């Protein structure tokens, strides 16, 4: 067997192991039993962080779905599963970190 073929086979094996690990991290196809709940948005605030490189980072979580499971925490409160989306904004980035703007990008 050639050296190149051995390297390729070793690489394929390593990638298969990575894929197996990633699959184990994915939620199972079966959703735990519970009740899907509707909601009304009361307030959606931004969390604002100042990073050590001088960047201001804003993050907002948007609720997309919620299910109350037929399970309970040790303190008696029900367990919830939420589906959410993170909205990330960088309103202030130090000039030293910036690259020239692409020609086809317009500022909003």
N, C-alpha and C. Protein backbone atom coordinates (compact mmCIF):
# COMPACT_ATOMS: atom_id res chain seq x y z
N UNK A 1 0.84 -1.17 0.00
CA UNK A 1 0.00 0.00 0.00
C UNK A 1 0.89 1.24 0.00
N UNK A 2 0.57 2.19 -0.84
CA UNK A 2 1.40 3.38 -0.95
C UNK A 2 1.26 4.27 0.29
N UNK A 3 2.25 5.08 0.50
CA UNK A 3 2.27 5.99 1.64
C UNK A 3 1.10 6.98 1.55
N UNK A 4 0.84 7.44 0.34
CA UNK A 4 -0.24 8.41 0.13
C UNK A 4 -1.60 7.79 0.46
N UNK A 5 -1.80 6.54 0.04
CA UNK A 5 -3.05 5.85 0.32
C UNK A 5 -3.22 5.62 1.81
N UNK A 6 -2.16 5.28 2.52
CA UNK A 6 -2.23 5.09 3.96
C UNK A 6 -2.62 6.39 4.66
N UNK A 7 -2.04 7.50 4.20
CA UNK A 7 -2.37 8.80 4.79
C UNK A 7 -3.84 9.14 4.55
N UNK A 8 -4.33 8.87 3.34
CA UNK A 8 -5.74 9.15 3.04
C UNK A 8 -6.67 8.30 3.89
N UNK A 9 -6.33 7.02 4.05
CA UNK A 9 -7.16 6.15 4.87
C UNK A 9 -7.17 6.59 6.33
N UNK A 10 -6.02 7.02 6.82
CA UNK A 10 -5.93 7.52 8.20
C UNK A 10 -6.78 8.78 8.35
N UNK A 11 -6.75 9.63 7.35
CA UNK A 11 -7.54 10.87 7.37
C UNK A 11 -9.04 10.56 7.35
N UNK A 12 -9.44 9.61 6.52
CA UNK A 12 -10.85 9.21 6.44
C UNK A 12 -11.30 8.65 7.79
N UNK A 13 -10.47 7.82 8.40
CA UNK A 13 -10.81 7.25 9.70
C UNK A 13 -10.96 8.34 10.76
N UNK A 14 -10.07 9.32 10.75
CA UNK A 14 -10.15 10.43 11.71
C UNK A 14 -11.42 11.24 11.49
N UNK A 15 -11.77 11.48 10.22
CA UNK A 15 -12.99 12.23 9.92
C UNK A 15 -14.24 11.45 10.33
N UNK A 16 -14.22 10.13 10.14
CA UNK A 16 -15.36 9.31 10.56
C UNK A 16 -15.55 9.37 12.07
N UNK A 17 -14.45 9.37 12.82
CA UNK A 17 -14.53 9.48 14.28
C UNK A 17 -15.10 10.84 14.69
N UNK A 18 -14.66 11.90 14.00
CA UNK A 18 -15.20 13.23 14.29
C UNK A 18 -16.69 13.29 14.00
N UNK A 19 -17.10 12.71 12.89
CA UNK A 19 -18.51 12.70 12.51
C UNK A 19 -19.34 11.94 13.54
N UNK A 20 -18.82 10.81 14.01
CA UNK A 20 -19.53 10.02 15.02
C UNK A 20 -19.69 10.84 16.30
N UNK A 21 -18.65 11.57 16.69
CA UNK A 21 -18.73 12.40 17.89
C UNK A 21 -19.76 13.51 17.71
N UNK A 22 -19.75 14.16 16.55
CA UNK A 22 -20.72 15.22 16.29
C UNK A 22 -22.15 14.69 16.32
N UNK A 23 -22.36 13.52 15.75
CA UNK A 23 -23.71 12.93 15.75
C UNK A 23 -24.17 12.65 17.17
N UNK A 24 -23.26 12.27 18.05
CA UNK A 24 -23.63 11.98 19.43
C UNK A 24 -24.05 13.25 20.16
N UNK A 25 -23.60 14.41 19.69
CA UNK A 25 -23.96 15.68 20.32
C UNK A 25 -25.32 16.21 19.86
N UNK A 26 -25.79 15.71 18.73
CA UNK A 26 -27.07 16.18 18.20
C UNK A 26 -28.22 15.62 19.02
N UNK A 27 -29.31 16.40 19.17
CA UNK A 27 -30.46 15.88 19.90
C UNK A 27 -31.05 14.68 19.17
N UNK A 28 -31.62 13.78 19.95
CA UNK A 28 -32.21 12.59 19.32
C UNK A 28 -33.40 13.02 18.48
N UNK A 29 -33.80 12.17 17.57
CA UNK A 29 -34.92 12.48 16.68
C UNK A 29 -36.23 12.60 17.45
N UNK A 30 -36.31 11.94 18.60
CA UNK A 30 -37.53 11.98 19.38
C UNK A 30 -37.47 13.12 20.37
N UNK A 31 -38.48 13.98 20.32
CA UNK A 31 -38.58 15.09 21.26
C UNK A 31 -39.21 14.56 22.54
N UNK A 32 -38.67 14.91 23.70
CA UNK A 32 -39.27 14.45 24.96
C UNK A 32 -40.73 14.88 25.06
N UNK A 33 -41.52 14.07 25.74
CA UNK A 33 -42.94 14.38 25.90
C UNK A 33 -43.12 15.66 26.70
N UNK A 34 -44.12 16.42 26.29
CA UNK A 34 -44.41 17.67 26.97
C UNK A 34 -45.48 18.42 26.21
N UNK A 35 -45.63 19.68 26.58
CA UNK A 35 -46.66 20.53 25.99
C UNK A 35 -45.99 21.72 25.31
N UNK A 36 -46.28 21.93 24.02
CA UNK A 36 -45.79 23.12 23.32
C UNK A 36 -46.64 24.30 23.78
N UNK A 37 -45.97 25.39 24.13
CA UNK A 37 -46.65 26.55 24.68
C UNK A 37 -46.55 27.76 23.76
N UNK A 38 -47.62 28.52 23.69
CA UNK A 38 -47.60 29.81 23.02
C UNK A 38 -47.07 30.84 24.02
N UNK A 39 -46.66 31.99 23.53
CA UNK A 39 -46.15 33.05 24.41
C UNK A 39 -46.42 34.40 23.80
N UNK A 40 -46.30 35.42 24.63
CA UNK A 40 -46.35 36.79 24.13
C UNK A 40 -45.09 37.48 24.62
N UNK A 41 -44.48 38.23 23.76
CA UNK A 41 -43.24 38.92 24.11
C UNK A 41 -43.56 40.10 25.00
N UNK A 42 -42.94 40.13 26.18
CA UNK A 42 -43.13 41.23 27.12
C UNK A 42 -42.02 42.26 26.93
N UNK A 43 -40.79 41.77 26.75
CA UNK A 43 -39.65 42.67 26.58
C UNK A 43 -38.49 41.88 25.98
N UNK A 44 -37.83 42.42 24.98
CA UNK A 44 -36.63 41.82 24.40
C UNK A 44 -35.51 42.84 24.45
N UNK A 45 -34.64 42.69 25.40
CA UNK A 45 -33.53 43.62 25.56
C UNK A 45 -32.25 43.07 24.95
N UNK A 46 -31.33 43.97 24.69
CA UNK A 46 -30.00 43.60 24.23
C UNK A 46 -29.10 43.41 25.45
N UNK A 47 -28.24 42.40 25.43
CA UNK A 47 -27.14 42.28 26.38
C UNK A 47 -25.95 42.94 25.69
N UNK A 48 -25.27 43.82 26.40
CA UNK A 48 -24.16 44.57 25.81
C UNK A 48 -22.88 44.23 26.57
N UNK A 49 -21.83 43.89 25.81
CA UNK A 49 -20.56 43.49 26.39
C UNK A 49 -19.44 44.33 25.78
N UNK A 50 -18.47 44.70 26.61
CA UNK A 50 -17.27 45.38 26.13
C UNK A 50 -16.16 44.34 26.14
N UNK A 51 -15.65 43.98 24.98
CA UNK A 51 -14.61 42.95 24.86
C UNK A 51 -13.24 43.54 25.13
N UNK A 52 -12.29 42.69 25.51
CA UNK A 52 -10.96 43.17 25.86
C UNK A 52 -10.24 43.84 24.69
N UNK A 53 -10.68 43.55 23.44
CA UNK A 53 -10.04 44.19 22.28
C UNK A 53 -10.67 45.55 21.95
N UNK A 54 -11.64 45.98 22.79
CA UNK A 54 -12.26 47.29 22.59
C UNK A 54 -13.58 47.24 21.84
N UNK A 55 -13.97 46.09 21.34
CA UNK A 55 -15.22 45.93 20.59
C UNK A 55 -16.41 45.95 21.54
N UNK A 56 -17.47 46.63 21.12
CA UNK A 56 -18.74 46.54 21.83
C UNK A 56 -19.58 45.49 21.11
N UNK A 57 -20.05 44.50 21.86
CA UNK A 57 -20.83 43.39 21.31
C UNK A 57 -22.22 43.44 21.91
N UNK A 58 -23.24 43.41 21.03
CA UNK A 58 -24.63 43.38 21.49
C UNK A 58 -25.25 42.06 21.05
N UNK A 59 -25.94 41.40 21.99
CA UNK A 59 -26.59 40.12 21.69
C UNK A 59 -28.01 40.15 22.22
N UNK A 60 -28.93 39.70 21.38
CA UNK A 60 -30.33 39.59 21.76
C UNK A 60 -30.78 38.17 21.46
N UNK A 61 -31.51 37.57 22.39
CA UNK A 61 -32.05 36.23 22.16
C UNK A 61 -33.52 36.38 21.78
N UNK A 62 -33.92 35.70 20.72
CA UNK A 62 -35.29 35.72 20.23
C UNK A 62 -35.89 34.33 20.41
N UNK A 63 -36.97 34.25 21.16
CA UNK A 63 -37.63 32.97 21.40
C UNK A 63 -38.37 32.52 20.14
N UNK A 64 -38.11 31.28 19.72
CA UNK A 64 -38.75 30.71 18.53
C UNK A 64 -39.76 29.63 18.88
N UNK A 65 -39.61 29.01 20.06
CA UNK A 65 -40.52 27.96 20.48
C UNK A 65 -40.20 27.53 21.90
N UNK A 66 -41.21 27.00 22.60
CA UNK A 66 -40.99 26.55 23.97
C UNK A 66 -41.87 25.33 24.26
N UNK A 67 -41.30 24.37 24.96
CA UNK A 67 -42.04 23.17 25.35
C UNK A 67 -41.78 22.91 26.84
N UNK A 68 -42.86 22.72 27.59
CA UNK A 68 -42.74 22.33 29.00
C UNK A 68 -42.78 20.80 29.04
N UNK A 69 -41.72 20.21 29.56
CA UNK A 69 -41.61 18.76 29.60
C UNK A 69 -42.39 18.18 30.77
N UNK A 70 -42.61 16.89 30.70
CA UNK A 70 -43.22 16.17 31.82
C UNK A 70 -42.13 15.73 32.78
N UNK A 71 -41.20 16.63 33.07
CA UNK A 71 -40.07 16.39 33.97
C UNK A 71 -39.95 17.60 34.89
N UNK A 72 -39.29 17.39 36.03
CA UNK A 72 -39.18 18.46 37.01
C UNK A 72 -37.77 18.53 37.57
N UNK A 73 -37.35 19.75 37.90
CA UNK A 73 -36.07 19.98 38.56
C UNK A 73 -36.20 19.56 40.02
N UNK A 74 -35.08 19.36 40.71
CA UNK A 74 -35.13 18.97 42.12
C UNK A 74 -35.94 19.94 43.00
N UNK A 75 -36.00 21.22 42.60
CA UNK A 75 -36.77 22.18 43.40
C UNK A 75 -38.26 22.17 43.07
N UNK A 76 -38.69 21.27 42.17
CA UNK A 76 -40.10 21.13 41.84
C UNK A 76 -40.56 21.93 40.62
N UNK A 77 -39.70 22.77 40.06
CA UNK A 77 -40.09 23.57 38.90
C UNK A 77 -40.03 22.71 37.63
N UNK A 78 -40.95 22.95 36.69
CA UNK A 78 -40.93 22.15 35.46
C UNK A 78 -39.70 22.47 34.60
N UNK A 79 -39.31 21.51 33.79
CA UNK A 79 -38.19 21.67 32.86
C UNK A 79 -38.76 22.15 31.52
N UNK A 80 -38.13 23.15 30.93
CA UNK A 80 -38.54 23.69 29.64
C UNK A 80 -37.43 23.48 28.62
N UNK A 81 -37.82 23.24 27.38
CA UNK A 81 -36.89 23.25 26.25
C UNK A 81 -37.27 24.47 25.42
N UNK A 82 -36.28 25.26 25.04
CA UNK A 82 -36.56 26.43 24.21
C UNK A 82 -35.78 26.35 22.92
N UNK A 83 -36.39 26.85 21.87
CA UNK A 83 -35.71 27.06 20.60
C UNK A 83 -35.55 28.57 20.48
N UNK A 84 -34.34 29.00 20.18
CA UNK A 84 -34.09 30.44 20.13
C UNK A 84 -33.11 30.78 19.02
N UNK A 85 -33.05 32.06 18.74
CA UNK A 85 -32.11 32.59 17.75
C UNK A 85 -31.34 33.72 18.40
N UNK A 86 -30.03 33.73 18.23
CA UNK A 86 -29.20 34.82 18.74
C UNK A 86 -29.00 35.86 17.64
N UNK A 87 -29.27 37.10 17.96
CA UNK A 87 -28.99 38.21 17.06
C UNK A 87 -27.75 38.91 17.61
N UNK A 88 -26.71 39.03 16.79
CA UNK A 88 -25.44 39.60 17.24
C UNK A 88 -25.13 40.85 16.43
N UNK A 89 -24.73 41.91 17.14
CA UNK A 89 -24.38 43.17 16.50
C UNK A 89 -23.06 43.67 17.10
N UNK A 90 -22.26 44.30 16.27
CA UNK A 90 -21.03 44.93 16.74
C UNK A 90 -21.08 46.41 16.39
N UNK A 91 -21.77 47.21 17.24
CA UNK A 91 -21.92 48.63 16.92
C UNK A 91 -20.64 49.44 17.01
N UNK A 92 -19.65 48.94 17.76
CA UNK A 92 -18.39 49.68 17.89
C UNK A 92 -17.23 48.70 17.83
N UNK A 93 -16.40 48.85 16.80
CA UNK A 93 -15.21 48.02 16.63
C UNK A 93 -14.02 48.97 16.44
N UNK A 94 -12.94 48.78 17.18
CA UNK A 94 -11.78 49.65 17.01
C UNK A 94 -11.28 49.63 15.56
N UNK A 95 -10.87 50.79 15.08
CA UNK A 95 -10.41 50.91 13.69
C UNK A 95 -9.25 49.96 13.39
N UNK A 96 -8.40 49.70 14.38
CA UNK A 96 -7.24 48.83 14.15
C UNK A 96 -7.65 47.39 13.82
N UNK A 97 -8.89 47.00 14.17
CA UNK A 97 -9.37 45.65 13.88
C UNK A 97 -10.12 45.57 12.55
N UNK A 98 -10.44 46.70 11.97
CA UNK A 98 -11.26 46.73 10.76
C UNK A 98 -10.41 46.49 9.51
N UNK A 99 -11.04 45.88 8.53
CA UNK A 99 -10.47 45.73 7.19
C UNK A 99 -11.27 46.64 6.27
N UNK A 100 -10.74 46.97 5.10
CA UNK A 100 -11.51 47.80 4.18
C UNK A 100 -12.84 47.13 3.83
N UNK A 101 -13.87 47.95 3.72
CA UNK A 101 -15.21 47.46 3.38
C UNK A 101 -15.23 46.94 1.95
N UNK A 102 -15.91 45.82 1.75
CA UNK A 102 -16.06 45.27 0.40
C UNK A 102 -16.84 46.27 -0.45
N UNK A 103 -16.51 46.35 -1.71
CA UNK A 103 -17.12 47.36 -2.59
C UNK A 103 -18.61 47.17 -2.77
N UNK A 104 -19.11 45.93 -2.70
CA UNK A 104 -20.52 45.68 -2.95
C UNK A 104 -21.37 45.69 -1.68
N UNK A 105 -20.81 46.07 -0.53
CA UNK A 105 -21.55 46.11 0.73
C UNK A 105 -21.96 47.54 1.03
N UNK A 106 -23.25 47.74 1.30
CA UNK A 106 -23.75 49.06 1.65
C UNK A 106 -23.99 49.14 3.15
N UNK A 107 -23.70 50.25 3.75
CA UNK A 107 -23.93 50.47 5.18
C UNK A 107 -25.42 50.67 5.40
N UNK A 108 -25.94 50.02 6.41
CA UNK A 108 -27.39 50.14 6.72
C UNK A 108 -27.60 51.26 7.71
